[in-house]
């Protein structure tokens, strides 16, 4: 990782970073921890202001990638809400979507009549979002909105555009802050390209 990348994660020493990555090099830090924290706070305030006091809001996190983002985000939403999760996968161990979305865990929280905020780590191919949106719509929610940490703006035929986006992302394969490559790198406190 180059010197500029270390600037994106000032509280990690080179030795600490190497310990976290198992010695594997990252190309660069794309979004540093401080920038992510500031934007997540803003998004929490935006979501708070979007819903009325009597709206029944369910934050539905898409696992595993959204878990860090979701946990930070909900702490900045100043209103009553419930949280549940859904698990779907279209990547496997590769760096490109297979296009075959597998629903691995369905939320247990009721959907009907509720305002759903689907929280996603990254909008990439759009395959997962399209499948989940259609499945959730069939359950009669009051509304469905998408909140994504990152948006690559490459998805064609996206059935639900994100209402809230943390950052417009490059087309690089990104890891960290919940995003992984074959389950590695999720725990990095910033987003980097590999």
C-alpha atoms as a PDB file:
ATOM      1  CA  UNK A   1       0.000   0.000   0.000  1.00  0.00           C
ATOM      2  CA  UNK A   2       1.412   3.387  -0.932  1.00  0.00           C
ATOM      3  CA  UNK A   3       2.061   6.383   1.326  1.00  0.00           C
ATOM      4  CA  UNK A   4      -1.188   8.111   0.246  1.00  0.00           C
ATOM      5  CA  UNK A   5      -3.163   5.078   1.374  1.00  0.00           C
ATOM      6  CA  UNK A   6      -1.643   5.229   4.846  1.00  0.00           C
ATOM      7  CA  UNK A   7      -2.864   8.828   5.057  1.00  0.00           C
ATOM      8  CA  UNK A   8      -6.427   7.474   4.693  1.00  0.00           C
ATOM      9  CA  UNK A   9      -6.021   5.432   7.884  1.00  0.00           C
ATOM     10  CA  UNK A  10      -3.813   7.570  10.129  1.00  0.00           C
ATOM     11  CA  UNK A  11      -4.390   5.580  13.308  1.00  0.00           C
ATOM     12  CA  UNK A  12      -3.076   2.328  11.805  1.00  0.00           C
ATOM     13  CA  UNK A  13       0.634   1.814  11.684  1.00  0.00           C
ATOM     14  CA  UNK A  14       2.091  -0.036   8.705  1.00  0.00           C
ATOM     15  CA  UNK A  15       2.731  -2.954  11.061  1.00  0.00           C
ATOM     16  CA  UNK A  16      -0.856  -2.859  12.360  1.00  0.00           C
ATOM     17  CA  UNK A  17      -2.242  -2.759   8.841  1.00  0.00           C
ATOM     18  CA  UNK A  18      -0.096  -5.703   7.746  1.00  0.00           C
ATOM     19  CA  UNK A  19      -1.335  -7.665  10.778  1.00  0.00           C
ATOM     20  CA  UNK A  20      -4.958  -6.976   9.785  1.00  0.00           C
ATOM     21  CA  UNK A  21      -4.459  -7.965   6.153  1.00  0.00           C
ATOM     22  CA  UNK A  22      -2.239 -10.972   6.797  1.00  0.00           C
ATOM     23  CA  UNK A  23       0.544  -9.252   4.880  1.00  0.00           C
ATOM     24  CA  UNK A  24      -1.546  -8.816   1.726  1.00  0.00           C
ATOM     25  CA  UNK A  25      -1.166  -5.479  -0.004  1.00  0.00           C
ATOM     26  CA  UNK A  26      -4.041  -3.094  -0.623  1.00  0.00           C
ATOM     27  CA  UNK A  27      -3.878  -0.806  -3.651  1.00  0.00           C
ATOM     28  CA  UNK A  28      -5.206   2.294  -1.894  1.00  0.00           C
ATOM     29  CA  UNK A  29      -7.632   3.551   0.715  1.00  0.00           C
ATOM     30  CA  UNK A  30     -10.634   4.847  -1.202  1.00  0.00           C
ATOM     31  CA  UNK A  31     -12.707   6.152   1.741  1.00  0.00           C
ATOM     32  CA  UNK A  32     -11.030   6.739   5.084  1.00  0.00           C
ATOM     33  CA  UNK A  33     -12.560   6.004   8.484  1.00  0.00           C
ATOM     34  CA  UNK A  34     -13.167   9.672   9.346  1.00  0.00           C
ATOM     35  CA  UNK A  35     -14.957  10.364   6.044  1.00  0.00           C
ATOM     36  CA  UNK A  36     -17.114   7.274   6.500  1.00  0.00           C
ATOM     37  CA  UNK A  37     -18.021   8.247  10.070  1.00  0.00           C
ATOM     38  CA  UNK A  38     -19.036  11.773   9.020  1.00  0.00           C
ATOM     39  CA  UNK A  39     -21.166  10.555   6.114  1.00  0.00           C
ATOM     40  CA  UNK A  40     -22.880   7.826   8.165  1.00  0.00           C
ATOM     41  CA  UNK A  41     -23.859  10.464  10.752  1.00  0.00           C
ATOM     42  CA  UNK A  42     -25.359  12.598   7.957  1.00  0.00           C
ATOM     43  CA  UNK A  43     -27.260   9.645   6.530  1.00  0.00           C
ATOM     44  CA  UNK A  44     -28.692   8.816   9.955  1.00  0.00           C
ATOM     45  CA  UNK A  45     -29.989  12.377  10.240  1.00  0.00           C
ATOM     46  CA  UNK A  46     -31.441  12.204   6.709  1.00  0.00           C
ATOM     47  CA  UNK A  47     -33.281   8.967   7.483  1.00  0.00           C
ATOM     48  CA  UNK A  48     -34.542  10.411  10.777  1.00  0.00           C
ATOM     49  CA  UNK A  49     -36.028  13.389   8.936  1.00  0.00           C
ATOM     50  CA  UNK A  50     -37.603  11.302   6.176  1.00  0.00           C
ATOM     51  CA  UNK A  51     -40.159   9.469   8.323  1.00  0.00           C
ATOM     52  CA  UNK A  52     -43.058  10.782  10.363  1.00  0.00           C
ATOM     53  CA  UNK A  53     -43.370  10.206  14.119  1.00  0.00           C
ATOM     54  CA  UNK A  54     -45.997   7.472  13.677  1.00  0.00           C
ATOM     55  CA  UNK A  55     -44.255   5.573  10.864  1.00  0.00           C
ATOM     56  CA  UNK A  56     -43.369   1.971  11.703  1.00  0.00           C
ATOM     57  CA  UNK A  57     -39.790   1.691  10.423  1.00  0.00           C
ATOM     58  CA  UNK A  58     -37.899  -1.568   9.927  1.00  0.00           C
ATOM     59  CA  UNK A  59     -34.204  -1.346   9.092  1.00  0.00           C
ATOM     60  CA  UNK A  60     -33.391  -4.476   7.113  1.00  0.00           C
ATOM     61  CA  UNK A  61     -29.666  -5.148   6.783  1.00  0.00           C
ATOM     62  CA  UNK A  62     -28.303  -7.203   3.931  1.00  0.00           C
ATOM     63  CA  UNK A  63     -25.718  -9.512   5.492  1.00  0.00           C
ATOM     64  CA  UNK A  64     -22.913  -9.955   5.722  1.00  0.00           C
ATOM     65  CA  UNK A  65     -21.583  -6.847   3.997  1.00  0.00           C
ATOM     66  CA  UNK A  66     -23.815  -4.296   5.709  1.00  0.00           C
ATOM     67  CA  UNK A  67     -23.252  -5.327   9.324  1.00  0.00           C
ATOM     68  CA  UNK A  68     -20.686  -2.671  10.285  1.00  0.00           C
ATOM     69  CA  UNK A  69     -22.403   0.071   8.276  1.00  0.00           C
ATOM     70  CA  UNK A  70     -25.814  -0.851   9.692  1.00  0.00           C
ATOM     71  CA  UNK A  71     -24.607  -0.913  13.291  1.00  0.00           C
ATOM     72  CA  UNK A  72     -23.071   2.549  12.929  1.00  0.00           C
ATOM     73  CA  UNK A  73     -26.042   3.896  10.953  1.00  0.00           C
ATOM     74  CA  UNK A  74     -28.825   2.888  13.356  1.00  0.00           C
ATOM     75  CA  UNK A  75     -27.058   4.612  16.246  1.00  0.00           C
ATOM     76  CA  UNK A  76     -27.490   7.888  14.324  1.00  0.00           C
ATOM     77  CA  UNK A  77     -31.180   7.437  13.506  1.00  0.00           C
ATOM     78  CA  UNK A  78     -33.014   9.395  16.200  1.00  0.00           C
ATOM     79  CA  UNK A  79     -36.410   7.705  16.106  1.00  0.00           C
ATOM     80  CA  UNK A  80     -38.003   4.390  17.095  1.00  0.00           C
ATOM     81  CA  UNK A  81     -37.154   1.534  14.746  1.00  0.00           C
ATOM     82  CA  UNK A  82     -36.689  -2.212  14.540  1.00  0.00           C
ATOM     83  CA  UNK A  83     -33.763  -4.060  12.971  1.00  0.00           C
ATOM     84  CA  UNK A  84     -33.666  -7.395  11.174  1.00  0.00           C
ATOM     85  CA  UNK A  85     -31.430  -9.020   8.596  1.00  0.00           C
ATOM     86  CA  UNK A  86     -31.596 -10.813   5.295  1.00  0.00           C
ATOM     87  CA  UNK A  87     -28.818 -12.893   3.751  1.00  0.00           C
ATOM     88  CA  UNK A  88     -28.329 -13.196   0.008  1.00  0.00           C
ATOM     89  CA  UNK A  89     -25.254 -13.918  -2.067  1.00  0.00           C
ATOM     90  CA  UNK A  90     -24.212 -13.540  -5.691  1.00  0.00           C
ATOM     91  CA  UNK A  91     -20.397 -13.453  -5.384  1.00  0.00           C
ATOM     92  CA  UNK A  92     -19.047 -16.627  -3.807  1.00  0.00           C
ATOM     93  CA  UNK A  93     -15.246 -16.371  -3.714  1.00  0.00           C
ATOM     94  CA  UNK A  94     -14.914 -14.302  -6.901  1.00  0.00           C
ATOM     95  CA  UNK A  95     -14.581 -10.589  -7.515  1.00  0.00           C
ATOM     96  CA  UNK A  96     -17.528 -10.318  -9.923  1.00  0.00           C
ATOM     97  CA  UNK A  97     -21.174 -11.183  -9.377  1.00  0.00           C
ATOM     98  CA  UNK A  98     -22.237 -14.570 -10.674  1.00  0.00           C
ATOM     99  CA  UNK A  99     -25.705 -13.159 -11.411  1.00  0.00           C
ATOM    100  CA  UNK A 100     -27.192 -16.086  -9.487  1.00  0.00           C
ATOM    101  CA  UNK A 101     -28.662 -14.584  -6.307  1.00  0.00           C
ATOM    102  CA  UNK A 102     -29.217 -17.068  -3.511  1.00  0.00           C
ATOM    103  CA  UNK A 103     -31.479 -16.089  -0.607  1.00  0.00           C
ATOM    104  CA  UNK A 104     -29.871 -17.758   2.396  1.00  0.00           C
ATOM    105  CA  UNK A 105     -31.829 -16.235   5.309  1.00  0.00           C
ATOM    106  CA  UNK A 106     -35.228 -14.563   5.287  1.00  0.00           C
ATOM    107  CA  UNK A 107     -36.108 -11.886   7.873  1.00  0.00           C
ATOM    108  CA  UNK A 108     -38.372 -12.969  10.716  1.00  0.00           C
ATOM    109  CA  UNK A 109     -39.825  -9.486  11.301  1.00  0.00           C
ATOM    110  CA  UNK A 110     -43.206  -8.796   9.698  1.00  0.00           C
ATOM    111  CA  UNK A 111     -42.980  -6.674   6.537  1.00  0.00           C
ATOM    112  CA  UNK A 112     -46.625  -5.837   5.786  1.00  0.00           C
ATOM    113  CA  UNK A 113     -47.580  -2.210   6.402  1.00  0.00           C
ATOM    114  CA  UNK A 114     -44.098  -1.197   7.545  1.00  0.00           C
ATOM    115  CA  UNK A 115     -41.655   1.308   6.104  1.00  0.00           C
ATOM    116  CA  UNK A 116     -38.644  -0.767   5.088  1.00  0.00           C
ATOM    117  CA  UNK A 117     -35.146   0.673   4.805  1.00  0.00           C
ATOM    118  CA  UNK A 118     -33.030  -1.919   3.029  1.00  0.00           C
ATOM    119  CA  UNK A 119     -29.398  -1.324   4.051  1.00  0.00           C
ATOM    120  CA  UNK A 120     -26.790  -2.501   1.552  1.00  0.00           C
ATOM    121  CA  UNK A 121     -23.017  -2.204   1.611  1.00  0.00           C
ATOM    122  CA  UNK A 122     -22.607  -1.612  -2.131  1.00  0.00           C
ATOM    123  CA  UNK A 123     -24.797  -1.335  -5.212  1.00  0.00           C
ATOM    124  CA  UNK A 124     -22.804  -3.075  -7.919  1.00  0.00           C
ATOM    125  CA  UNK A 125     -24.502  -5.308 -10.514  1.00  0.00           C
ATOM    126  CA  UNK A 126     -27.950  -4.682  -9.014  1.00  0.00           C
ATOM    127  CA  UNK A 127     -28.879  -8.379  -9.139  1.00  0.00           C
ATOM    128  CA  UNK A 128     -29.261  -8.777  -5.388  1.00  0.00           C
ATOM    129  CA  UNK A 129     -31.221  -5.541  -4.910  1.00  0.00           C
ATOM    130  CA  UNK A 130     -33.569  -6.365  -7.781  1.00  0.00           C
ATOM    131  CA  UNK A 131     -34.375  -9.807  -6.423  1.00  0.00           C
ATOM    132  CA  UNK A 132     -34.824  -8.637  -2.838  1.00  0.00           C
ATOM    133  CA  UNK A 133     -36.942  -5.633  -3.785  1.00  0.00           C
ATOM    134  CA  UNK A 134     -39.386  -7.807  -5.706  1.00  0.00           C
ATOM    135  CA  UNK A 135     -39.549 -10.336  -2.858  1.00  0.00           C
ATOM    136  CA  UNK A 136     -40.175  -7.614  -0.264  1.00  0.00           C
ATOM    137  CA  UNK A 137     -42.775  -5.799  -2.395  1.00  0.00           C
ATOM    138  CA  UNK A 138     -44.814  -9.005  -2.549  1.00  0.00           C
ATOM    139  CA  UNK A 139     -45.189  -8.845   1.251  1.00  0.00           C
ATOM    140  CA  UNK A 140     -47.084  -5.530   1.260  1.00  0.00           C
ATOM    141  CA  UNK A 141     -44.805  -2.979   2.941  1.00  0.00           C
ATOM    142  CA  UNK A 142     -45.963   0.637   3.276  1.00  0.00           C
ATOM    143  CA  UNK A 143     -42.757   1.646   1.454  1.00  0.00           C
ATOM    144  CA  UNK A 144     -39.284   0.378   0.590  1.00  0.00           C
ATOM    145  CA  UNK A 145     -36.250   2.636   0.447  1.00  0.00           C
ATOM    146  CA  UNK A 146     -32.662   1.660  -0.228  1.00  0.00           C
ATOM    147  CA  UNK A 147     -29.736   2.989   1.788  1.00  0.00           C
ATOM    148  CA  UNK A 148     -26.313   2.067   0.392  1.00  0.00           C
ATOM    149  CA  UNK A 149     -22.886   2.912   1.718  1.00  0.00           C
ATOM    150  CA  UNK A 150     -21.427   2.750  -1.799  1.00  0.00           C
ATOM    151  CA  UNK A 151     -22.924   3.043  -5.288  1.00  0.00           C
ATOM    152  CA  UNK A 152     -20.898   2.161  -8.397  1.00  0.00           C
ATOM    153  CA  UNK A 153     -23.554   3.437 -10.837  1.00  0.00           C
ATOM    154  CA  UNK A 154     -23.009   0.496 -13.182  1.00  0.00           C
ATOM    155  CA  UNK A 155     -26.211  -1.485 -12.556  1.00  0.00           C
ATOM    156  CA  UNK A 156     -28.561  -1.693 -15.517  1.00  0.00           C
ATOM    157  CA  UNK A 157     -32.270  -2.097 -14.877  1.00  0.00           C
ATOM    158  CA  UNK A 158     -32.085  -1.307 -11.172  1.00  0.00           C
ATOM    159  CA  UNK A 159     -35.663  -1.547  -9.859  1.00  0.00           C
ATOM    160  CA  UNK A 160     -34.954   0.535  -6.746  1.00  0.00           C
ATOM    161  CA  UNK A 161     -32.510   3.433  -6.826  1.00  0.00           C
ATOM    162  CA  UNK A 162     -30.978   4.230  -3.452  1.00  0.00           C
ATOM    163  CA  UNK A 163     -32.569   7.172  -1.660  1.00  0.00           C
ATOM    164  CA  UNK A 164     -29.497   7.496   0.556  1.00  0.00           C
ATOM    165  CA  UNK A 165     -25.952   6.912  -0.720  1.00  0.00           C
ATOM    166  CA  UNK A 166     -22.821   7.296   1.341  1.00  0.00           C
ATOM    167  CA  UNK A 167     -20.363   7.626  -1.526  1.00  0.00           C
ATOM    168  CA  UNK A 168     -20.191   7.208  -5.273  1.00  0.00           C
ATOM    169  CA  UNK A 169     -17.677   4.403  -5.684  1.00  0.00           C
ATOM    170  CA  UNK A 170     -15.099   3.598  -8.337  1.00  0.00           C
ATOM    171  CA  UNK A 171     -15.434   0.352 -10.277  1.00  0.00           C
ATOM    172  CA  UNK A 172     -12.490  -1.191  -8.349  1.00  0.00           C
ATOM    173  CA  UNK A 173     -13.117  -4.269  -6.223  1.00  0.00           C
ATOM    174  CA  UNK A 174     -13.528  -2.763  -2.746  1.00  0.00           C
ATOM    175  CA  UNK A 175     -13.016  -4.253   0.708  1.00  0.00           C
ATOM    176  CA  UNK A 176     -13.233  -3.103   4.306  1.00  0.00           C
ATOM    177  CA  UNK A 177     -15.927  -1.649   6.560  1.00  0.00           C
ATOM    178  CA  UNK A 178     -17.925  -4.844   6.061  1.00  0.00           C
ATOM    179  CA  UNK A 179     -17.046  -5.526   2.406  1.00  0.00           C
ATOM    180  CA  UNK A 180     -15.032  -8.666   1.792  1.00  0.00           C
ATOM    181  CA  UNK A 181     -13.107 -10.735  -0.678  1.00  0.00           C
ATOM    182  CA  UNK A 182     -13.769 -14.425   0.086  1.00  0.00           C
ATOM    183  CA  UNK A 183     -14.613 -13.392   3.692  1.00  0.00           C
ATOM    184  CA  UNK A 184     -11.331 -11.505   4.199  1.00  0.00           C
ATOM    185  CA  UNK A 185     -10.911  -7.759   4.955  1.00  0.00           C
ATOM    186  CA  UNK A 186     -14.400  -7.095   6.436  1.00  0.00           C
ATOM    187  CA  UNK A 187     -12.904  -5.762   9.672  1.00  0.00           C
ATOM    188  CA  UNK A 188     -10.825  -2.959   8.135  1.00  0.00           C
ATOM    189  CA  UNK A 189     -12.046   0.427   9.451  1.00  0.00           C
ATOM    190  CA  UNK A 190     -11.906   2.018   5.977  1.00  0.00           C
ATOM    191  CA  UNK A 191     -12.767   1.069   2.388  1.00  0.00           C
ATOM    192  CA  UNK A 192      -9.834   0.094   0.169  1.00  0.00           C
ATOM    193  CA  UNK A 193      -9.308  -1.350  -3.278  1.00  0.00           C
ATOM    194  CA  UNK A 194      -7.456  -4.609  -3.862  1.00  0.00           C
END
